[in-house]
PDB file of N, CA and C in Angstrom:
ATOM      1  N   UNK A   1     -82.065 191.516  58.013  1.00  0.00           N
ATOM      2  CA  UNK A   1     -82.562 192.615  58.877  1.00  0.00           C
ATOM      3  C   UNK A   1     -82.120 193.122  59.866  1.00  0.00           C
ATOM      4  N   UNK A   2     -81.551 194.448  59.874  1.00  0.00           N
ATOM      5  CA  UNK A   2     -80.942 194.945  61.012  1.00  0.00           C
ATOM      6  C   UNK A   2     -81.761 195.984  61.646  1.00  0.00           C
ATOM      7  N   UNK A   3     -82.184 195.930  62.867  1.00  0.00           N
ATOM      8  CA  UNK A   3     -82.521 196.708  63.877  1.00  0.00           C
ATOM      9  C   UNK A   3     -82.310 197.896  64.167  1.00  0.00           C
ATOM     10  N   UNK A   4     -83.068 199.218  63.490  1.00  0.00           N
ATOM     11  CA  UNK A   4     -82.198 200.335  64.306  1.00  0.00           C
ATOM     12  C   UNK A   4     -82.273 200.363  65.444  1.00  0.00           C
ATOM     13  N   UNK A   5     -81.268 201.165  66.412  1.00  0.00           N
ATOM     14  CA  UNK A   5     -81.200 201.502  67.664  1.00  0.00           C
ATOM     15  C   UNK A   5     -80.740 203.200  67.517  1.00  0.00           C
ATOM     16  N   UNK A   6     -81.748 203.979  67.802  1.00  0.00           N
ATOM     17  CA  UNK A   6     -81.309 205.407  68.100  1.00  0.00           C
ATOM     18  C   UNK A   6     -80.647 205.640  69.321  1.00  0.00           C
ATOM     19  N   UNK A   7     -81.589 204.996  70.269  1.00  0.00           N
ATOM     20  CA  UNK A   7     -81.450 205.781  71.692  1.00  0.00           C
ATOM     21  C   UNK A   7     -80.205 205.288  72.076  1.00  0.00           C
ATOM     22  N   UNK A   8     -79.208 206.715  72.602  1.00  0.00           N
ATOM     23  CA  UNK A   8     -77.781 205.793  73.053  1.00  0.00           C
ATOM     24  C   UNK A   8     -77.665 205.315  74.614  1.00  0.00           C
ATOM     25  N   UNK A   9     -79.046 205.430  75.260  1.00  0.00           N
ATOM     26  CA  UNK A   9     -78.836 204.610  76.479  1.00  0.00           C
ATOM     27  C   UNK A   9     -79.407 203.169  76.137  1.00  0.00           C
ATOM     28  N   UNK A  10     -79.669 202.759  75.144  1.00  0.00           N
ATOM     29  CA  UNK A  10     -79.564 201.035  75.143  1.00  0.00           C
ATOM     30  C   UNK A  10     -78.492 200.814  74.123  1.00  0.00           C
ATOM     31  N   UNK A  11     -77.493 199.807  74.817  1.00  0.00           N
ATOM     32  CA  UNK A  11     -76.481 199.994  73.847  1.00  0.00           C
ATOM     33  C   UNK A  11     -76.762 197.986  73.839  1.00  0.00           C
ATOM     34  N   UNK A  12     -77.651 197.365  73.134  1.00  0.00           N
ATOM     35  CA  UNK A  12     -77.656 195.766  72.993  1.00  0.00           C
ATOM     36  C   UNK A  12     -77.173 196.288  71.246  1.00  0.00           C
ATOM     37  N   UNK A  13     -76.283 195.162  71.132  1.00  0.00           N
ATOM     38  CA  UNK A  13     -75.746 195.020  69.849  1.00  0.00           C
ATOM     39  C   UNK A  13     -76.481 194.651  69.189  1.00  0.00           C
ATOM     40  N   UNK A  14     -76.317 195.277  67.411  1.00  0.00           N
ATOM     41  CA  UNK A  14     -77.675 195.010  66.633  1.00  0.00           C
ATOM     42  C   UNK A  14     -77.308 193.742  65.905  1.00  0.00           C
ATOM     43  N   UNK A  15     -78.096 192.770  65.722  1.00  0.00           N
ATOM     44  CA  UNK A  15     -77.782 191.613  64.792  1.00  0.00           C
ATOM     45  C   UNK A  15     -78.407 191.913  63.220  1.00  0.00           C
ATOM     46  N   UNK A  16     -77.603 191.331  62.434  1.00  0.00           N
ATOM     47  CA  UNK A  16     -78.248 191.173  61.041  1.00  0.00           C
ATOM     48  C   UNK A  16     -78.611 189.852  61.201  1.00  0.00           C
ATOM     49  N   UNK A  17     -80.219 189.112  61.456  1.00  0.00           N
ATOM     50  CA  UNK A  17     -80.462 187.848  61.457  1.00  0.00           C
ATOM     51  C   UNK A  17     -80.447 186.819  60.225  1.00  0.00           C
ATOM     52  N   UNK A  18     -80.135 187.857  58.511  1.00  0.00           N
ATOM     53  CA  UNK A  18     -79.872 187.005  57.642  1.00  0.00           C
ATOM     54  C   UNK A  18     -78.439 186.724  57.643  1.00  0.00           C
ATOM     55  N   UNK A  19     -77.547 187.394  58.608  1.00  0.00           N
ATOM     56  CA  UNK A  19     -76.251 186.723  58.081  1.00  0.00           C
ATOM     57  C   UNK A  19     -75.919 185.873  59.138  1.00  0.00           C
ATOM     58  N   UNK A  20     -76.465 186.151  60.473  1.00  0.00           N
ATOM     59  CA  UNK A  20     -75.439 185.081  61.589  1.00  0.00           C
ATOM     60  C   UNK A  20     -77.286 184.975  62.600  1.00  0.00           C
ATOM     61  N   UNK A  21     -77.705 183.905  62.528  1.00  0.00           N
ATOM     62  CA  UNK A  21     -79.123 183.527  63.332  1.00  0.00           C
ATOM     63  C   UNK A  21     -78.944 182.635  64.273  1.00  0.00           C
ATOM     64  N   UNK A  22     -77.489 183.238  64.969  1.00  0.00           N
ATOM     65  CA  UNK A  22     -76.535 182.342  65.775  1.00  0.00           C
ATOM     66  C   UNK A  22     -77.229 182.840  67.559  1.00  0.00           C
ATOM     67  N   UNK A  23     -77.871 184.029  67.568  1.00  0.00           N
ATOM     68  CA  UNK A  23     -78.082 184.746  68.161  1.00  0.00           C
ATOM     69  C   UNK A  23     -79.268 184.267  68.887  1.00  0.00           C
ATOM     70  N   UNK A  24     -79.977 183.771  69.852  1.00  0.00           N
ATOM     71  CA  UNK A  24     -81.170 183.329  70.180  1.00  0.00           C
ATOM     72  C   UNK A  24     -81.933 183.949  71.277  1.00  0.00           C
ATOM     73  N   UNK A  25     -83.341 183.943  70.742  1.00  0.00           N
ATOM     74  CA  UNK A  25     -84.294 185.152  71.353  1.00  0.00           C
ATOM     75  C   UNK A  25     -83.807 184.904  72.800  1.00  0.00           C
ATOM     76  N   UNK A  26     -84.021 183.600  73.141  1.00  0.00           N
ATOM     77  CA  UNK A  26     -83.286 183.758  75.192  1.00  0.00           C
ATOM     78  C   UNK A  26     -82.114 184.485  75.336  1.00  0.00           C
ATOM     79  N   UNK A  27     -80.754 184.599  74.540  1.00  0.00           N
ATOM     80  CA  UNK A  27     -79.943 185.749  74.886  1.00  0.00           C
ATOM     81  C   UNK A  27     -80.508 186.479  74.607  1.00  0.00           C
ATOM     82  N   UNK A  28     -81.175 187.547  73.702  1.00  0.00           N
ATOM     83  CA  UNK A  28     -81.473 188.830  73.641  1.00  0.00           C
ATOM     84  C   UNK A  28     -82.282 189.335  74.709  1.00  0.00           C
ATOM     85  N   UNK A  29     -83.330 188.467  75.292  1.00  0.00           N
ATOM     86  CA  UNK A  29     -84.133 188.439  76.245  1.00  0.00           C
ATOM     87  C   UNK A  29     -83.345 188.475  77.314  1.00  0.00           C
ATOM     88  N   UNK A  30     -82.011 188.146  77.935  1.00  0.00           N
ATOM     89  CA  UNK A  30     -81.486 188.080  78.686  1.00  0.00           C
ATOM     90  C   UNK A  30     -80.403 189.382  78.828  1.00  0.00           C
ATOM     91  N   UNK A  31     -80.257 189.540  77.843  1.00  0.00           N
ATOM     92  CA  UNK A  31     -79.469 190.947  77.692  1.00  0.00           C
ATOM     93  C   UNK A  31     -80.564 192.281  77.912  1.00  0.00           C
ATOM     94  N   UNK A  32     -81.942 192.132  77.499  1.00  0.00           N
ATOM     95  CA  UNK A  32     -82.952 192.915  77.543  1.00  0.00           C
ATOM     96  C   UNK A  32     -83.223 192.964  79.572  1.00  0.00           C
ATOM     97  N   UNK A  33     -83.311 191.836  79.946  1.00  0.00           N
ATOM     98  CA  UNK A  33     -83.269 191.651  81.364  1.00  0.00           C
ATOM     99  C   UNK A  33     -82.090 192.641  82.171  1.00  0.00           C
ATOM    100  N   UNK A  34     -81.147 192.233  81.693  1.00  0.00           N
ATOM    101  CA  UNK A  34     -79.809 192.498  82.255  1.00  0.00           C
ATOM    102  C   UNK A  34     -79.761 194.268  82.119  1.00  0.00           C
ATOM    103  N   UNK A  35     -80.447 194.886  80.634  1.00  0.00           N
ATOM    104  CA  UNK A  35     -80.279 195.720  80.740  1.00  0.00           C
ATOM    105  C   UNK A  35     -81.262 196.851  81.681  1.00  0.00           C
ATOM    106  N   UNK A  36     -82.373 196.267  81.719  1.00  0.00           N
ATOM    107  CA  UNK A  36     -83.268 196.607  82.878  1.00  0.00           C
ATOM    108  C   UNK A  36     -82.410 197.042  84.216  1.00  0.00           C
ATOM    109  N   UNK A  37     -82.063 195.483  84.723  1.00  0.00           N
ATOM    110  CA  UNK A  37     -81.279 195.876  86.302  1.00  0.00           C
ATOM    111  C   UNK A  37     -80.273 196.670  86.561  1.00  0.00           C
ATOM    112  N   UNK A  38     -79.428 196.646  85.185  1.00  0.00           N
ATOM    113  CA  UNK A  38     -78.535 197.821  84.961  1.00  0.00           C
ATOM    114  C   UNK A  38     -78.297 199.316  85.476  1.00  0.00           C
ATOM    115  N   UNK A  39     -79.381 199.854  84.329  1.00  0.00           N
ATOM    116  CA  UNK A  39     -79.569 200.866  83.968  1.00  0.00           C
ATOM    117  C   UNK A  39     -81.402 201.573  84.980  1.00  0.00           C
ATOM    118  N   UNK A  40     -81.624 200.604  85.492  1.00  0.00           N
ATOM    119  CA  UNK A  40     -82.757 201.114  86.479  1.00  0.00           C
ATOM    120  C   UNK A  40     -84.429 201.357  85.108  1.00  0.00           C
ATOM    121  N   UNK A  41     -85.223 202.055  85.414  1.00  0.00           N
ATOM    122  CA  UNK A  41     -86.374 201.900  84.900  1.00  0.00           C
ATOM    123  C   UNK A  41     -86.281 202.059  83.521  1.00  0.00           C
ATOM    124  N   UNK A  42     -86.530 202.069  82.615  1.00  0.00           N
ATOM    125  CA  UNK A  42     -86.795 202.831  81.154  1.00  0.00           C
ATOM    126  C   UNK A  42     -87.977 203.487  80.988  1.00  0.00           C
ATOM    127  N   UNK A  43     -88.035 204.715  79.718  1.00  0.00           N
ATOM    128  CA  UNK A  43     -89.357 204.900  79.749  1.00  0.00           C
ATOM    129  C   UNK A  43     -90.338 203.762  78.804  1.00  0.00           C
ATOM    130  N   UNK A  44     -91.892 203.984  79.047  1.00  0.00           N
ATOM    131  CA  UNK A  44     -92.324 203.336  78.516  1.00  0.00           C
ATOM    132  C   UNK A  44     -92.053 203.110  76.805  1.00  0.00           C
ATOM    133  N   UNK A  45     -91.597 204.103  76.370  1.00  0.00           N
ATOM    134  CA  UNK A  45     -91.541 204.133  74.982  1.00  0.00           C
ATOM    135  C   UNK A  45     -90.169 203.434  74.791  1.00  0.00           C
ATOM    136  N   UNK A  46     -89.232 203.459  75.617  1.00  0.00           N
ATOM    137  CA  UNK A  46     -88.000 202.969  75.638  1.00  0.00           C
ATOM    138  C   UNK A  46     -88.517 200.782  75.505  1.00  0.00           C
ATOM    139  N   UNK A  47     -88.994 200.791  76.597  1.00  0.00           N
ATOM    140  CA  UNK A  47     -90.132 199.372  76.551  1.00  0.00           C
ATOM    141  C   UNK A  47     -90.640 199.005  74.877  1.00  0.00           C
ATOM    142  N   UNK A  48     -91.184 199.533  74.884  1.00  0.00           N
ATOM    143  CA  UNK A  48     -92.232 199.653  73.521  1.00  0.00           C
ATOM    144  C   UNK A  48     -91.020 199.232  72.621  1.00  0.00           C
ATOM    145  N   UNK A  49     -90.270 200.137  72.440  1.00  0.00           N
ATOM    146  CA  UNK A  49     -89.098 199.502  71.177  1.00  0.00           C
ATOM    147  C   UNK A  49     -88.597 198.632  71.424  1.00  0.00           C
ATOM    148  N   UNK A  50     -88.385 198.101  72.513  1.00  0.00           N
ATOM    149  CA  UNK A  50     -87.530 196.871  72.385  1.00  0.00           C
ATOM    150  C   UNK A  50     -88.234 195.780  72.310  1.00  0.00           C
ATOM    151  N   UNK A  51     -89.420 195.703  72.841  1.00  0.00           N
ATOM    152  CA  UNK A  51     -90.596 194.974  72.119  1.00  0.00           C
ATOM    153  C   UNK A  51     -90.940 195.033  71.403  1.00  0.00           C
ATOM    154  N   UNK A  52     -90.787 195.898  70.538  1.00  0.00           N
ATOM    155  CA  UNK A  52     -91.108 195.587  68.724  1.00  0.00           C
ATOM    156  C   UNK A  52     -89.745 194.950  68.099  1.00  0.00           C
ATOM    157  N   UNK A  53     -88.597 195.558  68.589  1.00  0.00           N
ATOM    158  CA  UNK A  53     -87.321 194.739  68.437  1.00  0.00           C
ATOM    159  C   UNK A  53     -87.565 193.268  68.183  1.00  0.00           C
ATOM    160  N   UNK A  54     -87.452 192.524  69.732  1.00  0.00           N
ATOM    161  CA  UNK A  54     -88.511 191.388  69.707  1.00  0.00           C
ATOM    162  C   UNK A  54     -88.668 190.252  68.948  1.00  0.00           C
ATOM    163  N   UNK A  55     -90.125 191.209  68.951  1.00  0.00           N
ATOM    164  CA  UNK A  55     -91.105 190.838  67.999  1.00  0.00           C
ATOM    165  C   UNK A  55     -90.639 190.170  66.688  1.00  0.00           C
ATOM    166  N   UNK A  56     -90.008 191.836  65.826  1.00  0.00           N
ATOM    167  CA  UNK A  56     -89.718 191.643  64.412  1.00  0.00           C
ATOM    168  C   UNK A  56     -88.607 189.879  64.457  1.00  0.00           C
ATOM    169  N   UNK A  57     -87.910 190.314  65.140  1.00  0.00           N
ATOM    170  CA  UNK A  57     -86.850 189.114  65.491  1.00  0.00           C
ATOM    171  C   UNK A  57     -87.528 187.751  65.534  1.00  0.00           C
ATOM    172  N   UNK A  58     -88.192 187.663  65.969  1.00  0.00           N
ATOM    173  CA  UNK A  58     -89.181 186.717  66.268  1.00  0.00           C
ATOM    174  C   UNK A  58     -89.839 186.267  64.914  1.00  0.00           C
ATOM    175  N   UNK A  59     -90.502 187.088  64.411  1.00  0.00           N
ATOM    176  CA  UNK A  59     -90.967 187.140  62.725  1.00  0.00           C
ATOM    177  C   UNK A  59     -90.049 186.768  62.027  1.00  0.00           C
ATOM    178  N   UNK A  60     -88.687 187.045  61.791  1.00  0.00           N
ATOM    179  CA  UNK A  60     -87.954 186.959  60.829  1.00  0.00           C
ATOM    180  C   UNK A  60     -87.573 185.152  61.016  1.00  0.00           C
ATOM    181  N   UNK A  61     -87.062 185.411  62.744  1.00  0.00           N
ATOM    182  CA  UNK A  61     -86.954 183.796  62.656  1.00  0.00           C
ATOM    183  C   UNK A  61     -87.881 182.538  62.471  1.00  0.00           C
ATOM    184  N   UNK A  62     -89.338 183.023  62.260  1.00  0.00           N
ATOM    185  CA  UNK A  62     -90.014 182.194  61.699  1.00  0.00           C
ATOM    186  C   UNK A  62     -90.453 182.150  60.017  1.00  0.00           C
ATOM    187  N   UNK A  63     -89.784 183.374  59.666  1.00  0.00           N
ATOM    188  CA  UNK A  63     -89.768 183.497  58.196  1.00  0.00           C
ATOM    189  C   UNK A  63     -88.588 182.479  57.997  1.00  0.00           C
ATOM    190  N   UNK A  64     -87.501 182.686  58.349  1.00  0.00           N
ATOM    191  CA  UNK A  64     -86.234 181.538  58.110  1.00  0.00           C
ATOM    192  C   UNK A  64     -86.887 180.180  58.034  1.00  0.00           C
ATOM    193  N   UNK A  65     -87.611 180.009  59.550  1.00  0.00           N
ATOM    194  CA  UNK A  65     -87.532 178.487  59.726  1.00  0.00           C
ATOM    195  C   UNK A  65     -88.953 178.015  58.614  1.00  0.00           C
ATOM    196  N   UNK A  66     -89.415 178.742  57.897  1.00  0.00           N
ATOM    197  CA  UNK A  66     -90.236 178.200  56.953  1.00  0.00           C
ATOM    198  C   UNK A  66     -89.475 178.337  55.816  1.00  0.00           C
ATOM    199  N   UNK A  67     -89.284 179.098  55.482  1.00  0.00           N
ATOM    200  CA  UNK A  67     -87.675 179.032  54.302  1.00  0.00           C
ATOM    201  C   UNK A  67     -86.989 177.691  54.358  1.00  0.00           C
ATOM    202  N   UNK A  68     -86.474 177.610  55.677  1.00  0.00           N
ATOM    203  CA  UNK A  68     -85.171 176.187  55.482  1.00  0.00           C
ATOM    204  C   UNK A  68     -86.629 174.825  55.782  1.00  0.00           C
ATOM    205  N   UNK A  69     -87.512 175.050  55.944  1.00  0.00           N
ATOM    206  CA  UNK A  69     -88.803 173.930  55.587  1.00  0.00           C
ATOM    207  C   UNK A  69     -88.738 173.846  53.963  1.00  0.00           C
ATOM    208  N   UNK A  70     -89.221 174.715  53.406  1.00  0.00           N
ATOM    209  CA  UNK A  70     -89.486 175.040  52.140  1.00  0.00           C
ATOM    210  C   UNK A  70     -88.110 174.262  51.145  1.00  0.00           C
ATOM    211  N   UNK A  71     -87.207 174.559  51.486  1.00  0.00           N
ATOM    212  CA  UNK A  71     -85.917 173.895  51.205  1.00  0.00           C
ATOM    213  C   UNK A  71     -85.551 172.527  51.494  1.00  0.00           C
ATOM    214  N   UNK A  72     -86.087 172.157  52.568  1.00  0.00           N
ATOM    215  CA  UNK A  72     -85.888 170.529  52.367  1.00  0.00           C
ATOM    216  C   UNK A  72     -86.702 169.639  51.578  1.00  0.00           C
ATOM    217  N   UNK A  73     -87.768 170.125  51.575  1.00  0.00           N
ATOM    218  CA  UNK A  73     -89.170 169.281  50.667  1.00  0.00           C
ATOM    219  C   UNK A  73     -88.386 169.366  49.268  1.00  0.00           C
ATOM    220  N   UNK A  74     -87.911 170.820  48.853  1.00  0.00           N
ATOM    221  CA  UNK A  74     -87.376 170.951  47.761  1.00  0.00           C
ATOM    222  C   UNK A  74     -86.198 170.032  47.642  1.00  0.00           C
ATOM    223  N   UNK A  75     -85.163 170.050  48.139  1.00  0.00           N
ATOM    224  CA  UNK A  75     -84.419 169.163  47.902  1.00  0.00           C
ATOM    225  C   UNK A  75     -84.575 167.707  47.930  1.00  0.00           C
ATOM    226  N   UNK A  76     -85.573 166.977  48.466  1.00  0.00           N
ATOM    227  CA  UNK A  76     -86.566 165.933  48.937  1.00  0.00           C
ATOM    228  C   UNK A  76     -86.763 165.581  47.333  1.00  0.00           C
ATOM    229  N   UNK A  77     -87.730 166.932  46.422  1.00  0.00           N
ATOM    230  CA  UNK A  77     -88.049 166.034  45.619  1.00  0.00           C
ATOM    231  C   UNK A  77     -87.609 166.245  44.821  1.00  0.00           C
ATOM    232  N   UNK A  78     -86.473 167.067  44.392  1.00  0.00           N
ATOM    233  CA  UNK A  78     -85.253 166.872  43.870  1.00  0.00           C
ATOM    234  C   UNK A  78     -84.537 165.939  43.809  1.00  0.00           C
ATOM    235  N   UNK A  79     -83.898 165.299  44.424  1.00  0.00           N
ATOM    236  CA  UNK A  79     -83.573 164.382  45.003  1.00  0.00           C
ATOM    237  C   UNK A  79     -84.111 163.114  44.344  1.00  0.00           C
ATOM    238  N   UNK A  80     -85.352 162.792  44.183  1.00  0.00           N
ATOM    239  CA  UNK A  80     -86.295 162.100  43.999  1.00  0.00           C
ATOM    240  C   UNK A  80     -86.493 162.263  42.396  1.00  0.00           C
ATOM    241  N   UNK A  81     -86.243 163.418  42.069  1.00  0.00           N
ATOM    242  CA  UNK A  81     -86.785 163.755  40.422  1.00  0.00           C
ATOM    243  C   UNK A  81     -85.516 163.145  39.753  1.00  0.00           C
ATOM    244  N   UNK A  82     -84.371 163.067  40.683  1.00  0.00           N
ATOM    245  CA  UNK A  82     -82.654 162.625  40.057  1.00  0.00           C
ATOM    246  C   UNK A  82     -82.581 161.303  39.638  1.00  0.00           C
ATOM    247  N   UNK A  83     -83.220 160.620  40.783  1.00  0.00           N
ATOM    248  CA  UNK A  83     -83.025 159.318  40.852  1.00  0.00           C
ATOM    249  C   UNK A  83     -84.147 158.485  40.038  1.00  0.00           C
ATOM    250  N   UNK A  84     -84.877 159.343  39.375  1.00  0.00           N
ATOM    251  CA  UNK A  84     -86.038 159.049  38.383  1.00  0.00           C
ATOM    252  C   UNK A  84     -85.303 159.105  36.971  1.00  0.00           C
ATOM    253  N   UNK A  85     -84.713 159.908  36.782  1.00  0.00           N
ATOM    254  CA  UNK A  85     -84.040 160.205  35.685  1.00  0.00           C
ATOM    255  C   UNK A  85     -82.737 159.789  35.990  1.00  0.00           C
ATOM    256  N   UNK A  86     -81.864 159.150  36.928  1.00  0.00           N
ATOM    257  CA  UNK A  86     -80.823 158.040  36.877  1.00  0.00           C
ATOM    258  C   UNK A  86     -81.438 157.112  36.260  1.00  0.00           C
ATOM    259  N   UNK A  87     -82.649 156.062  36.667  1.00  0.00           N
ATOM    260  CA  UNK A  87     -82.917 155.197  36.552  1.00  0.00           C
ATOM    261  C   UNK A  87     -83.290 155.236  34.977  1.00  0.00           C
ATOM    262  N   UNK A  88     -84.397 156.315  34.451  1.00  0.00           N
ATOM    263  CA  UNK A  88     -84.661 156.094  33.237  1.00  0.00           C
ATOM    264  C   UNK A  88     -83.453 156.375  32.075  1.00  0.00           C
ATOM    265  N   UNK A  89     -82.416 157.055  32.826  1.00  0.00           N
ATOM    266  CA  UNK A  89     -81.208 157.061  31.828  1.00  0.00           C
ATOM    267  C   UNK A  89     -80.698 155.521  31.280  1.00  0.00           C
ATOM    268  N   UNK A  90     -80.501 154.785  32.447  1.00  0.00           N
ATOM    269  CA  UNK A  90     -79.996 153.742  33.097  1.00  0.00           C
ATOM    270  C   UNK A  90     -80.861 152.799  31.957  1.00  0.00           C
ATOM    271  N   UNK A  91     -82.369 152.530  31.766  1.00  0.00           N
ATOM    272  CA  UNK A  91     -83.324 151.858  31.232  1.00  0.00           C
ATOM    273  C   UNK A  91     -83.140 152.518  29.760  1.00  0.00           C
ATOM    274  N   UNK A  92     -82.413 153.417  28.890  1.00  0.00           N
ATOM    275  CA  UNK A  92     -82.484 153.341  27.743  1.00  0.00           C
ATOM    276  C   UNK A  92     -81.012 152.860  27.579  1.00  0.00           C
ATOM    277  N   UNK A  93     -80.033 153.320  27.813  1.00  0.00           N
ATOM    278  CA  UNK A  93     -79.081 152.766  28.121  1.00  0.00           C
ATOM    279  C   UNK A  93     -79.022 151.287  27.583  1.00  0.00           C
ATOM    280  N   UNK A  94     -79.575 150.717  28.518  1.00  0.00           N
ATOM    281  CA  UNK A  94     -79.656 149.291  28.216  1.00  0.00           C
ATOM    282  C   UNK A  94     -80.255 148.738  26.985  1.00  0.00           C
ATOM    283  N   UNK A  95     -81.555 149.492  26.745  1.00  0.00           N
ATOM    284  CA  UNK A  95     -82.343 149.620  25.571  1.00  0.00           C
ATOM    285  C   UNK A  95     -81.760 149.737  24.529  1.00  0.00           C
ATOM    286  N   UNK A  96     -81.065 150.790  24.294  1.00  0.00           N
ATOM    287  CA  UNK A  96     -80.078 151.433  23.246  1.00  0.00           C
ATOM    288  C   UNK A  96     -78.920 150.402  22.771  1.00  0.00           C
ATOM    289  N   UNK A  97     -78.239 149.111  24.071  1.00  0.00           N
ATOM    290  CA  UNK A  97     -77.738 148.490  23.604  1.00  0.00           C
ATOM    291  C   UNK A  97     -77.990 146.762  22.728  1.00  0.00           C
ATOM    292  N   UNK A  98     -79.144 147.154  23.551  1.00  0.00           N
ATOM    293  CA  UNK A  98     -79.988 145.692  23.270  1.00  0.00           C
ATOM    294  C   UNK A  98     -80.443 146.188  21.708  1.00  0.00           C
ATOM    295  N   UNK A  99     -80.721 146.833  21.346  1.00  0.00           N
ATOM    296  CA  UNK A  99     -81.281 147.612  19.987  1.00  0.00           C
ATOM    297  C   UNK A  99     -79.574 147.403  19.307  1.00  0.00           C
ATOM    298  N   UNK A 100     -78.937 148.066  19.589  1.00  0.00           N
ATOM    299  CA  UNK A 100     -77.577 147.553  18.776  1.00  0.00           C
ATOM    300  C   UNK A 100     -77.568 146.435  18.680  1.00  0.00           C
ATOM    301  N   UNK A 101     -77.567 145.440  19.733  1.00  0.00           N
ATOM    302  CA  UNK A 101     -77.415 144.115  19.055  1.00  0.00           C
ATOM    303  C   UNK A 101     -78.172 143.327  18.280  1.00  0.00           C
ATOM    304  N   UNK A 102     -79.452 143.824  18.643  1.00  0.00           N
ATOM    305  CA  UNK A 102     -80.538 143.131  17.023  1.00  0.00           C
ATOM    306  C   UNK A 102     -80.320 143.587  16.009  1.00  0.00           C
ATOM    307  N   UNK A 103     -79.656 144.718  15.847  1.00  0.00           N
ATOM    308  CA  UNK A 103     -79.560 145.329  14.655  1.00  0.00           C
ATOM    309  C   UNK A 103     -78.136 144.497  14.125  1.00  0.00           C
ATOM    310  N   UNK A 104     -77.403 144.386  14.724  1.00  0.00           N
ATOM    311  CA  UNK A 104     -76.005 143.967  14.260  1.00  0.00           C
ATOM    312  C   UNK A 104     -76.395 142.283  13.697  1.00  0.00           C
ATOM    313  N   UNK A 105     -77.647 142.082  15.000  1.00  0.00           N
ATOM    314  CA  UNK A 105     -77.655 140.332  14.071  1.00  0.00           C
ATOM    315  C   UNK A 105     -78.580 140.620  13.060  1.00  0.00           C
ATOM    316  N   UNK A 106     -79.137 141.424  12.755  1.00  0.00           N
ATOM    317  CA  UNK A 106     -80.510 141.591  11.650  1.00  0.00           C
ATOM    318  C   UNK A 106     -79.190 141.539  10.541  1.00  0.00           C
ATOM    319  N   UNK A 107     -78.253 142.577  10.461  1.00  0.00           N
ATOM    320  CA  UNK A 107     -77.516 143.058   9.178  1.00  0.00           C
ATOM    321  C   UNK A 107     -76.761 141.519   8.967  1.00  0.00           C
ATOM    322  N   UNK A 108     -76.879 141.145  10.154  1.00  0.00           N
ATOM    323  CA  UNK A 108     -75.662 140.134   9.216  1.00  0.00           C
ATOM    324  C   UNK A 108     -76.481 138.776   8.767  1.00  0.00           C
TER     325      UNK A 108
END
């Protein structure tokens, strides 16, 4: 998600949170406060635009957090299924060896 900024007075670097979620919301707020101090009072529209950008970033971070949680659960489920399959394979291999030895005894 790239937030578009058409206002030349606002020099906030745009961040693509899909690629770089390192910039925290606190850093963004700090930049916003610095801009207010450096350039004086902004119009209500400019402030509303910045607030909406912050809200969009918060929502995207929440989405990414949810995606990460889902991936963690999926990884745990897959690990458990893999362990079960490995165990079943080992048991089948052991049964196969036993059957081979039984078949060899019967053959003799």
